[in-house]
Amino acid sequence: GRLSGRGGWAVVRSHARPTQRRQVVTGKSAEQAAELREPLRARRGMNCGPCELWFGETAGVRQVTLGNGTVRAEILLDKGANVRQFWHVPTGARMLAETHDWAERLAEFHQNGQRGSCYSDCYEGGWQDVLPARAQWEGGAIGDGAGVGEAAIIPWEVKRVVSTPAAAHVICRARLPQCELDVVKRFGVRRQSATLRVETTVKNTSGRSVRLSWTQHPALGGDLLDDAARVWLPGGEPRVRRRNPGHQDNGEDGHSSHSSCTEAALGWRSADALLPTCSADAFMTFADVERADAALLSDARGVGVRLRWDALTFPHAWLWCARRDSICCIAVEPSTTYLPETGPRPEPEILHLLRPGDSIRTWVELSSFTWESRVADHAPASGPSLFGSGWS
């Protein structure tokens, strides 16, 4: 393998044997390390039911559902392999945001022939994969509008299904019609684990090079986003902040001039304080996150949802907060770019090169957790063993 482009994106050549990389945290005191390990106890109160997987339809759209006694996920095969919803099974709590008319949106998508021009068409909420966010190749490009996140709007083909009491996974594949990338996703759960793990491989099977950026779009919310909810943000350097669509609120150096933007990056914050007070959405980006880790906690329910991701692929993050009649959510979005081109002093756009035959392998996880009030002011743990992750 080799490192290519800004942000240290790992690109694996088709003729090279991929190597595993481990992130090592240094410079931490023993007290800090203990604080990071202690709070999230995903196994506390876990239902150890067997894994299950089944197919069905939602509003006419093909879907596959997989889960165990602790978590369950519904994946829309006909609409981008989007994770429509992620549940905490013991309480029945929905952990992803939904638009109030999500069923009507999906029915509209189905009636339109299950096609759209970009990921936000017929948006129903949930977790979408905005691949690509931007792309350039000889003779073509994807920017604002048509083609943005085309992976999240096209039908996916099921290639393999495995379902046993110990583990269940489904492997799906799609070829992106405009940028001509081949994408394979593996959605998996394990018994005695509160985690949905999504592993993605993107390969350039075309005969030309493609430069692209890529963003995950998990909208956290659902039943967890109540008046007393709190959010753990991944840290990083604040870059772009928009109070209203199309407006940047930046300091002269390109960093946000609003103090709450900096504070919001440091750890646990009130969800209500992050949500906008008007109908205009709030948006900001952070460069070089400190931890590839975010969470939303409902103190009232004693249940939270945690997002973890591969920081080698997604070193930056976007934060989108919405409080509208149609949807209320806090979306922490792992990304390959912090959008330096959109600041008052635009810098070059961050696009990563995929030559013919190159491929990228990465992962993102959603987990549920329960939390005792006495540890609620600490940070999420960074160790994957608490969530049964670290799969090979």
Protein backbone atom coordinates (compact mmCIF):
# COMPACT_ATOMS: atom_id res chain seq x y z
CA GLY A 1 0.00 0.00 0.00
CA ARG A 2 0.93 3.64 -0.17
CA LEU A 3 -0.21 6.94 1.25
CA SER A 4 -1.59 9.34 -1.30
CA GLY A 5 -2.85 12.90 -1.08
CA ARG A 6 -3.51 15.21 1.84
CA GLY A 7 -4.82 13.70 5.02
CA GLY A 8 -2.80 10.47 4.63
CA TRP A 9 -5.46 8.57 2.73
CA ALA A 10 -4.43 4.92 2.40
CA VAL A 11 -4.72 3.71 -1.19
CA VAL A 12 -4.11 0.05 -1.96
CA ARG A 13 -2.84 -0.92 -5.38
CA SER A 14 -4.59 -3.87 -6.98
CA HIS A 15 -1.26 -5.68 -7.32
CA ALA A 16 -0.16 -4.96 -3.75
CA ARG A 17 -0.96 -6.97 -0.69
CA PRO A 18 -2.76 -4.74 1.82
CA THR A 19 -1.21 -4.27 5.22
CA GLN A 20 -2.97 -3.63 8.50
CA ARG A 21 -2.20 -0.39 10.33
CA ARG A 22 -2.73 0.31 14.00
CA GLN A 23 -3.20 3.73 15.50
CA VAL A 24 -1.15 4.26 18.66
CA VAL A 25 -2.15 7.02 21.07
CA THR A 26 0.88 8.60 22.71
CA GLY A 27 1.42 11.45 25.08
CA LYS A 28 -1.46 10.47 27.39
CA SER A 29 -1.13 10.30 31.14
CA ALA A 30 -2.27 7.21 33.01
CA GLU A 31 -5.23 9.18 34.35
CA GLN A 32 -6.25 10.33 30.86
CA ALA A 33 -5.95 6.82 29.50
CA ALA A 34 -8.11 5.46 32.31
CA GLU A 35 -10.69 8.17 31.66
CA LEU A 36 -10.89 7.18 28.01
CA ARG A 37 -11.32 3.49 28.84
CA GLU A 38 -13.83 3.74 31.64
CA PRO A 39 -17.22 5.21 30.71
CA LEU A 40 -18.79 3.39 27.79
CA ARG A 41 -19.85 -0.09 28.92
CA ALA A 42 -21.66 -1.50 25.95
CA ARG A 43 -21.88 -4.97 27.45
CA ARG A 44 -23.73 -3.82 30.59
CA GLY A 45 -27.27 -5.14 30.39
CA MET A 46 -26.70 -6.56 26.91
CA ASN A 47 -29.29 -8.96 25.53
CA CYS A 48 -27.37 -11.97 24.22
CA GLY A 49 -29.97 -13.08 21.69
CA PRO A 50 -28.85 -14.80 18.47
CA CYS A 51 -28.11 -12.91 15.27
CA GLU A 52 -30.83 -12.74 12.63
CA LEU A 53 -31.12 -11.52 9.03
CA TRP A 54 -34.16 -11.22 6.78
CA PHE A 55 -35.31 -9.48 3.60
CA GLY A 56 -38.45 -7.45 3.03
CA GLU A 57 -39.81 -4.19 1.66
CA THR A 58 -40.35 -0.74 3.15
CA ALA A 59 -42.68 1.55 1.16
CA GLY A 60 -42.03 -0.63 -1.87
CA VAL A 61 -38.23 -0.41 -1.52
CA ARG A 62 -36.22 -3.63 -1.03
CA GLN A 63 -34.51 -3.82 2.33
CA VAL A 64 -32.51 -6.22 4.46
CA THR A 65 -32.67 -6.20 8.25
CA LEU A 66 -30.00 -7.70 10.48
CA GLY A 67 -29.45 -7.62 14.19
CA ASN A 68 -29.26 -9.47 17.48
CA GLY A 69 -30.82 -9.08 20.89
CA THR A 70 -29.24 -5.67 21.39
CA VAL A 71 -29.24 -3.80 18.07
CA ARG A 72 -31.07 -4.00 14.76
CA ALA A 73 -30.45 -2.17 11.45
CA GLU A 74 -32.60 -1.80 8.34
CA ILE A 75 -30.67 -1.28 5.08
CA LEU A 76 -32.39 -0.01 1.93
CA LEU A 77 -31.01 -2.10 -0.94
CA ASP A 78 -32.90 -0.18 -3.62
CA LYS A 79 -31.82 3.19 -2.26
CA GLY A 80 -28.09 3.37 -1.93
CA ALA A 81 -27.71 0.65 0.73
CA ASN A 82 -28.60 3.44 3.17
CA VAL A 83 -29.05 2.48 6.82
CA ARG A 84 -32.59 3.77 7.23
CA GLN A 85 -32.82 3.06 10.96
CA PHE A 86 -30.74 1.64 13.81
CA TRP A 87 -32.59 0.44 16.93
CA HIS A 88 -31.66 -0.37 20.51
CA VAL A 89 -33.67 -3.57 20.76
CA PRO A 90 -34.24 -3.83 24.55
CA THR A 91 -35.89 -0.38 24.69
CA GLY A 92 -37.09 -0.12 21.09
CA ALA A 93 -35.38 3.29 20.81
CA ARG A 94 -34.67 4.61 17.32
CA MET A 95 -31.16 6.06 17.20
CA LEU A 96 -31.11 7.70 13.75
CA ALA A 97 -33.14 10.72 12.73
CA GLU A 98 -36.06 10.29 10.33
CA THR A 99 -37.99 12.89 8.42
CA HIS A 100 -41.58 13.05 9.63
CA ASP A 101 -42.75 11.90 6.19
CA TRP A 102 -40.02 9.31 5.62
CA ALA A 103 -42.47 6.64 4.41
CA GLU A 104 -43.96 9.06 1.87
CA ARG A 105 -40.45 10.00 0.71
CA LEU A 106 -39.54 6.38 0.11
CA ALA A 107 -42.84 5.72 -1.65
CA GLU A 108 -42.13 8.70 -3.92
CA PHE A 109 -38.68 7.31 -4.67
CA HIS A 110 -40.21 3.92 -5.50
CA GLN A 111 -42.84 5.48 -7.75
CA ASN A 112 -40.16 7.46 -9.60
CA GLY A 113 -38.49 4.23 -10.69
CA GLN A 114 -35.99 4.09 -7.80
CA ARG A 115 -33.73 6.68 -9.35
CA GLY A 116 -32.51 10.06 -8.23
CA SER A 117 -29.91 12.61 -9.23
CA CYS A 118 -28.14 13.05 -5.87
CA TYR A 119 -28.17 11.66 -2.32
CA SER A 120 -30.59 14.27 -0.98
CA ASP A 121 -33.37 13.37 -3.43
CA CYS A 122 -36.35 11.92 -1.52
CA TYR A 123 -34.27 12.20 1.66
CA GLU A 124 -35.71 10.04 4.42
CA GLY A 125 -33.03 10.49 7.10
CA GLY A 126 -30.82 7.73 8.47
CA TRP A 127 -27.21 7.13 7.43
CA GLN A 128 -26.22 7.80 3.83
CA ASP A 129 -22.86 7.36 2.15
CA VAL A 130 -22.06 10.52 0.17
CA LEU A 131 -19.73 8.89 -2.35
CA PRO A 132 -18.50 10.94 -4.06
CA ALA A 133 -19.04 14.35 -2.49
CA ARG A 134 -16.99 15.76 -5.37
CA ALA A 135 -15.20 14.03 -8.24
CA GLN A 136 -13.15 14.96 -11.29
CA TRP A 137 -11.93 12.88 -14.20
CA GLU A 138 -10.92 13.49 -17.77
CA GLY A 139 -13.97 14.74 -19.58
CA GLY A 140 -16.29 14.96 -16.56
CA ALA A 141 -16.90 16.06 -12.98
CA ILE A 142 -19.38 15.87 -10.10
CA GLY A 143 -19.86 19.05 -8.10
CA ASP A 144 -22.96 20.67 -6.68
CA GLY A 145 -26.15 19.05 -7.84
CA ALA A 146 -26.49 15.95 -10.00
CA GLY A 147 -24.28 13.02 -9.06
CA VAL A 148 -23.34 14.13 -5.55
CA GLY A 149 -23.43 11.01 -3.40
CA GLU A 150 -24.60 8.85 -6.29
CA ALA A 151 -23.75 5.74 -4.26
CA ALA A 152 -26.62 6.65 -1.89
CA ILE A 153 -29.30 6.87 -4.57
CA ILE A 154 -28.84 3.82 -6.82
CA PRO A 155 -29.93 0.18 -6.33
CA TRP A 156 -27.39 -2.24 -4.87
CA GLU A 157 -26.99 -5.92 -5.70
CA VAL A 158 -26.74 -8.53 -2.96
CA LYS A 159 -23.68 -10.70 -3.54
CA ARG A 160 -23.53 -12.85 -0.40
CA VAL A 161 -25.54 -13.49 2.76
CA VAL A 162 -24.39 -15.33 5.89
CA SER A 163 -26.68 -15.76 8.90
CA THR A 164 -25.87 -17.90 11.93
CA PRO A 165 -26.75 -17.44 15.61
CA ALA A 166 -23.18 -16.23 16.18
CA ALA A 167 -22.90 -13.70 13.32
CA ALA A 168 -24.78 -12.30 10.35
CA HIS A 169 -23.60 -10.24 7.42
CA VAL A 170 -24.66 -9.20 3.95
CA ILE A 171 -22.33 -8.12 1.14
CA CYS A 172 -23.67 -5.69 -1.47
CA ARG A 173 -22.16 -4.26 -4.63
CA ALA A 174 -22.85 -1.33 -6.95
CA ARG A 175 -21.14 0.37 -9.87
CA LEU A 176 -21.46 4.14 -9.79
CA PRO A 177 -22.82 5.26 -13.15
CA GLN A 178 -21.05 8.61 -13.50
CA CYS A 179 -17.62 8.24 -11.89
CA GLU A 180 -17.51 4.51 -12.78
CA LEU A 181 -16.20 3.33 -9.43
CA ASP A 182 -16.97 -0.18 -8.20
CA VAL A 183 -18.13 -0.27 -4.56
CA VAL A 184 -18.60 -3.27 -2.24
CA LYS A 185 -20.10 -2.97 1.26
CA ARG A 186 -20.21 -5.54 4.03
CA PHE A 187 -22.77 -4.96 6.80
CA GLY A 188 -22.22 -7.19 9.81
CA VAL A 189 -23.31 -7.88 13.38
CA ARG A 190 -22.10 -10.38 15.96
CA ARG A 191 -23.70 -12.02 18.95
CA GLN A 192 -22.90 -10.31 22.27
CA SER A 193 -21.92 -7.15 20.38
CA ALA A 194 -23.86 -3.90 20.24
CA THR A 195 -22.19 -2.87 16.97
CA LEU A 196 -23.14 -2.65 13.32
CA ARG A 197 -19.89 -2.65 11.35
CA VAL A 198 -19.84 -1.45 7.74
CA GLU A 199 -16.73 -2.21 5.70
CA THR A 200 -16.43 -0.55 2.30
CA THR A 201 -14.10 -1.17 -0.62
CA VAL A 202 -13.99 1.35 -3.47
CA LYS A 203 -12.10 0.35 -6.61
CA ASN A 204 -11.41 2.31 -9.77
CA THR A 205 -12.19 -0.23 -12.47
CA SER A 206 -12.35 2.40 -15.22
CA GLY A 207 -9.53 3.22 -17.59
CA ARG A 208 -9.01 6.76 -16.27
CA SER A 209 -7.92 8.37 -13.03
CA VAL A 210 -10.53 9.83 -10.68
CA ARG A 211 -9.99 12.51 -8.03
CA LEU A 212 -12.66 12.57 -5.37
CA SER A 213 -13.77 13.56 -1.89
CA TRP A 214 -16.02 11.37 0.26
CA THR A 215 -18.26 11.97 3.27
CA GLN A 216 -20.38 9.75 5.50
CA HIS A 217 -23.77 11.21 6.47
CA PRO A 218 -25.17 9.55 9.64
CA ALA A 219 -27.97 11.69 11.10
CA LEU A 220 -28.08 10.89 14.82
CA GLY A 221 -31.35 11.49 16.61
CA GLY A 222 -34.62 9.57 16.62
CA ASP A 223 -35.83 8.82 20.14
CA LEU A 224 -32.49 9.83 21.69
CA LEU A 225 -32.61 13.51 20.75
CA ASP A 226 -34.70 14.73 23.68
CA ASP A 227 -34.47 17.93 25.74
CA ALA A 228 -31.71 16.56 27.98
CA ALA A 229 -29.65 14.79 25.31
CA ARG A 230 -25.91 15.31 25.07
CA VAL A 231 -23.48 14.95 22.19
CA TRP A 232 -19.83 13.93 22.21
CA LEU A 233 -17.94 15.59 19.34
CA PRO A 234 -14.63 14.38 17.92
CA GLY A 235 -12.53 17.53 18.34
CA GLY A 236 -10.34 19.03 15.67
CA GLU A 237 -9.63 22.48 14.30
CA PRO A 238 -12.78 24.51 13.47
CA ARG A 239 -12.69 25.64 9.87
CA VAL A 240 -15.95 26.61 8.15
CA ARG A 241 -19.15 27.62 9.91
CA ARG A 242 -22.43 28.49 8.21
CA ARG A 243 -25.28 30.08 10.11
CA ASN A 244 -27.53 30.04 7.06
CA PRO A 245 -27.40 28.22 3.72
CA GLY A 246 -24.67 29.68 1.55
CA HIS A 247 -23.19 31.92 4.32
CA GLN A 248 -19.79 31.33 5.87
CA ASP A 249 -19.08 32.66 9.36
CA ASN A 250 -15.28 32.66 9.47
CA GLY A 251 -12.56 34.72 11.07
CA GLU A 252 -10.03 36.50 8.93
CA ASP A 253 -7.68 33.54 9.16
CA GLY A 254 -10.30 31.17 7.82
CA HIS A 255 -11.19 29.76 11.24
CA SER A 256 -14.58 30.21 12.85
CA SER A 257 -14.92 33.46 14.77
CA HIS A 258 -17.78 32.10 16.91
CA SER A 259 -16.55 30.81 20.29
CA SER A 260 -19.25 28.13 20.61
CA CYS A 261 -17.90 26.49 17.47
CA THR A 262 -14.54 25.95 19.17
CA GLU A 263 -16.17 24.79 22.41
CA ALA A 264 -18.41 22.37 20.55
CA ALA A 265 -15.36 20.46 19.35
CA LEU A 266 -13.99 19.61 22.78
CA GLY A 267 -16.25 16.92 24.24
CA TRP A 268 -19.72 16.53 25.71
CA ARG A 269 -22.13 19.35 24.85
CA SER A 270 -25.83 19.89 25.28
CA ALA A 271 -27.61 18.77 22.13
CA ASP A 272 -30.13 21.56 22.56
CA ALA A 273 -27.34 24.15 22.54
CA LEU A 274 -26.00 22.80 19.24
CA LEU A 275 -29.36 22.74 17.50
CA PRO A 276 -30.29 25.98 15.69
CA THR A 277 -33.00 28.14 17.22
CA CYS A 278 -34.53 28.94 13.84
CA SER A 279 -35.42 26.95 10.72
CA ALA A 280 -32.00 27.54 9.13
CA ASP A 281 -29.65 24.57 9.56
CA ALA A 282 -26.28 24.97 11.27
CA PHE A 283 -23.18 23.58 9.57
CA MET A 284 -19.49 23.55 10.43
CA THR A 285 -16.38 21.56 9.58
CA PHE A 286 -13.40 20.40 11.64
CA ALA A 287 -9.95 19.57 10.30
CA ASP A 288 -7.86 16.70 11.70
CA VAL A 289 -10.20 15.29 14.35
CA GLU A 290 -8.64 14.38 17.68
CA ARG A 291 -10.68 11.18 18.01
CA ALA A 292 -12.57 9.38 15.27
CA ASP A 293 -15.43 8.99 17.71
CA ALA A 294 -18.80 10.67 18.32
CA ALA A 295 -21.86 9.85 20.40
CA LEU A 296 -25.40 10.97 21.25
CA LEU A 297 -26.72 10.14 24.74
CA SER A 298 -30.27 10.35 26.10
CA ASP A 299 -30.01 10.68 29.87
CA ALA A 300 -33.76 10.14 30.15
CA ARG A 301 -33.58 6.74 28.45
CA GLY A 302 -30.11 5.79 29.67
CA VAL A 303 -29.25 4.80 26.09
CA GLY A 304 -26.85 6.27 23.57
CA VAL A 305 -25.53 5.71 20.06
CA ARG A 306 -21.85 5.82 19.22
CA LEU A 307 -20.18 6.42 15.86
CA ARG A 308 -16.60 5.29 15.21
CA TRP A 309 -14.67 5.46 11.95
CA ASP A 310 -11.36 4.90 10.20
CA ALA A 311 -9.43 8.14 10.71
CA LEU A 312 -6.87 7.21 8.06
CA THR A 313 -9.59 7.46 5.42
CA PHE A 314 -11.72 10.14 7.09
CA PRO A 315 -9.40 12.49 9.03
CA HIS A 316 -11.89 15.39 9.07
CA ALA A 317 -15.53 15.82 10.10
CA TRP A 318 -18.58 17.92 9.27
CA LEU A 319 -21.29 18.79 11.75
CA TRP A 320 -24.83 19.38 10.47
CA CYS A 321 -27.54 20.31 12.97
CA ALA A 322 -31.19 20.74 11.97
CA ARG A 323 -34.30 21.60 13.96
CA ARG A 324 -37.11 21.80 11.44
CA ASP A 325 -40.70 20.66 11.24
CA SER A 326 -39.54 17.89 8.90
CA ILE A 327 -36.48 16.62 10.82
CA CYS A 328 -34.46 17.17 13.99
CA CYS A 329 -30.93 15.74 13.97
CA ILE A 330 -27.28 16.14 14.82
CA ALA A 331 -25.16 14.61 12.07
CA VAL A 332 -21.46 14.06 12.74
CA GLU A 333 -20.09 13.32 9.28
CA PRO A 334 -16.65 11.72 8.81
CA SER A 335 -15.06 13.17 5.69
CA THR A 336 -11.94 13.23 3.56
CA THR A 337 -12.13 17.05 3.40
CA TYR A 338 -12.90 20.03 5.64
CA LEU A 339 -13.96 22.10 2.58
CA PRO A 340 -11.02 24.56 2.51
CA GLU A 341 -12.23 25.84 -0.85
CA THR A 342 -15.35 27.37 0.73
CA GLY A 343 -13.63 29.77 3.15
CA PRO A 344 -13.23 33.53 2.70
CA ARG A 345 -9.68 32.85 1.54
CA PRO A 346 -10.24 29.72 -0.54
CA GLU A 347 -7.55 27.07 -0.46
CA PRO A 348 -7.17 24.20 -2.95
CA GLU A 349 -9.91 21.60 -2.80
CA ILE A 350 -8.92 18.31 -1.15
CA LEU A 351 -9.42 15.59 -3.73
CA HIS A 352 -7.76 12.18 -3.49
CA LEU A 353 -6.39 10.39 -6.50
CA LEU A 354 -7.54 6.92 -7.53
CA ARG A 355 -5.66 5.68 -10.56
CA PRO A 356 -7.00 2.78 -12.64
CA GLY A 357 -6.82 -0.36 -10.49
CA ASP A 358 -6.43 1.53 -7.18
CA SER A 359 -8.76 0.67 -4.32
CA ILE A 360 -9.61 1.99 -0.86
CA ARG A 361 -10.71 -0.16 2.08
CA THR A 362 -12.27 1.48 5.10
CA TRP A 363 -14.83 0.99 7.89
CA VAL A 364 -17.42 2.81 9.99
CA GLU A 365 -19.30 1.49 13.04
CA LEU A 366 -22.54 2.33 14.82
CA SER A 367 -23.01 1.02 18.36
CA SER A 368 -25.55 1.35 21.12
CA PHE A 369 -24.49 1.77 24.74
CA THR A 370 -25.99 2.25 28.17
CA TRP A 371 -24.51 4.66 30.62
CA GLU A 372 -24.70 5.13 34.37
CA SER A 373 -25.17 8.73 35.48
CA ARG A 374 -22.06 8.72 37.66
CA VAL A 375 -19.76 8.51 34.60
CA ALA A 376 -21.79 10.76 32.31
CA ASP A 377 -19.27 13.62 32.35
CA HIS A 378 -16.40 11.59 30.96
CA ALA A 379 -15.35 10.97 27.38
CA PRO A 380 -16.25 7.91 25.30
CA ALA A 381 -13.77 5.09 25.46
CA SER A 382 -11.42 4.70 22.51
CA GLY A 383 -10.77 1.00 22.95
CA PRO A 384 -12.65 -1.13 20.41
CA SER A 385 -12.90 -4.19 22.66
CA LEU A 386 -15.74 -2.62 24.65
CA PHE A 387 -17.92 -2.87 21.56
CA GLY A 388 -16.76 -6.21 20.22
CA SER A 389 -15.13 -4.57 17.23
CA GLY A 390 -11.63 -4.89 15.85
CA TRP A 391 -12.71 -7.46 13.29
CA SER A 392 -10.19 -8.82 10.89
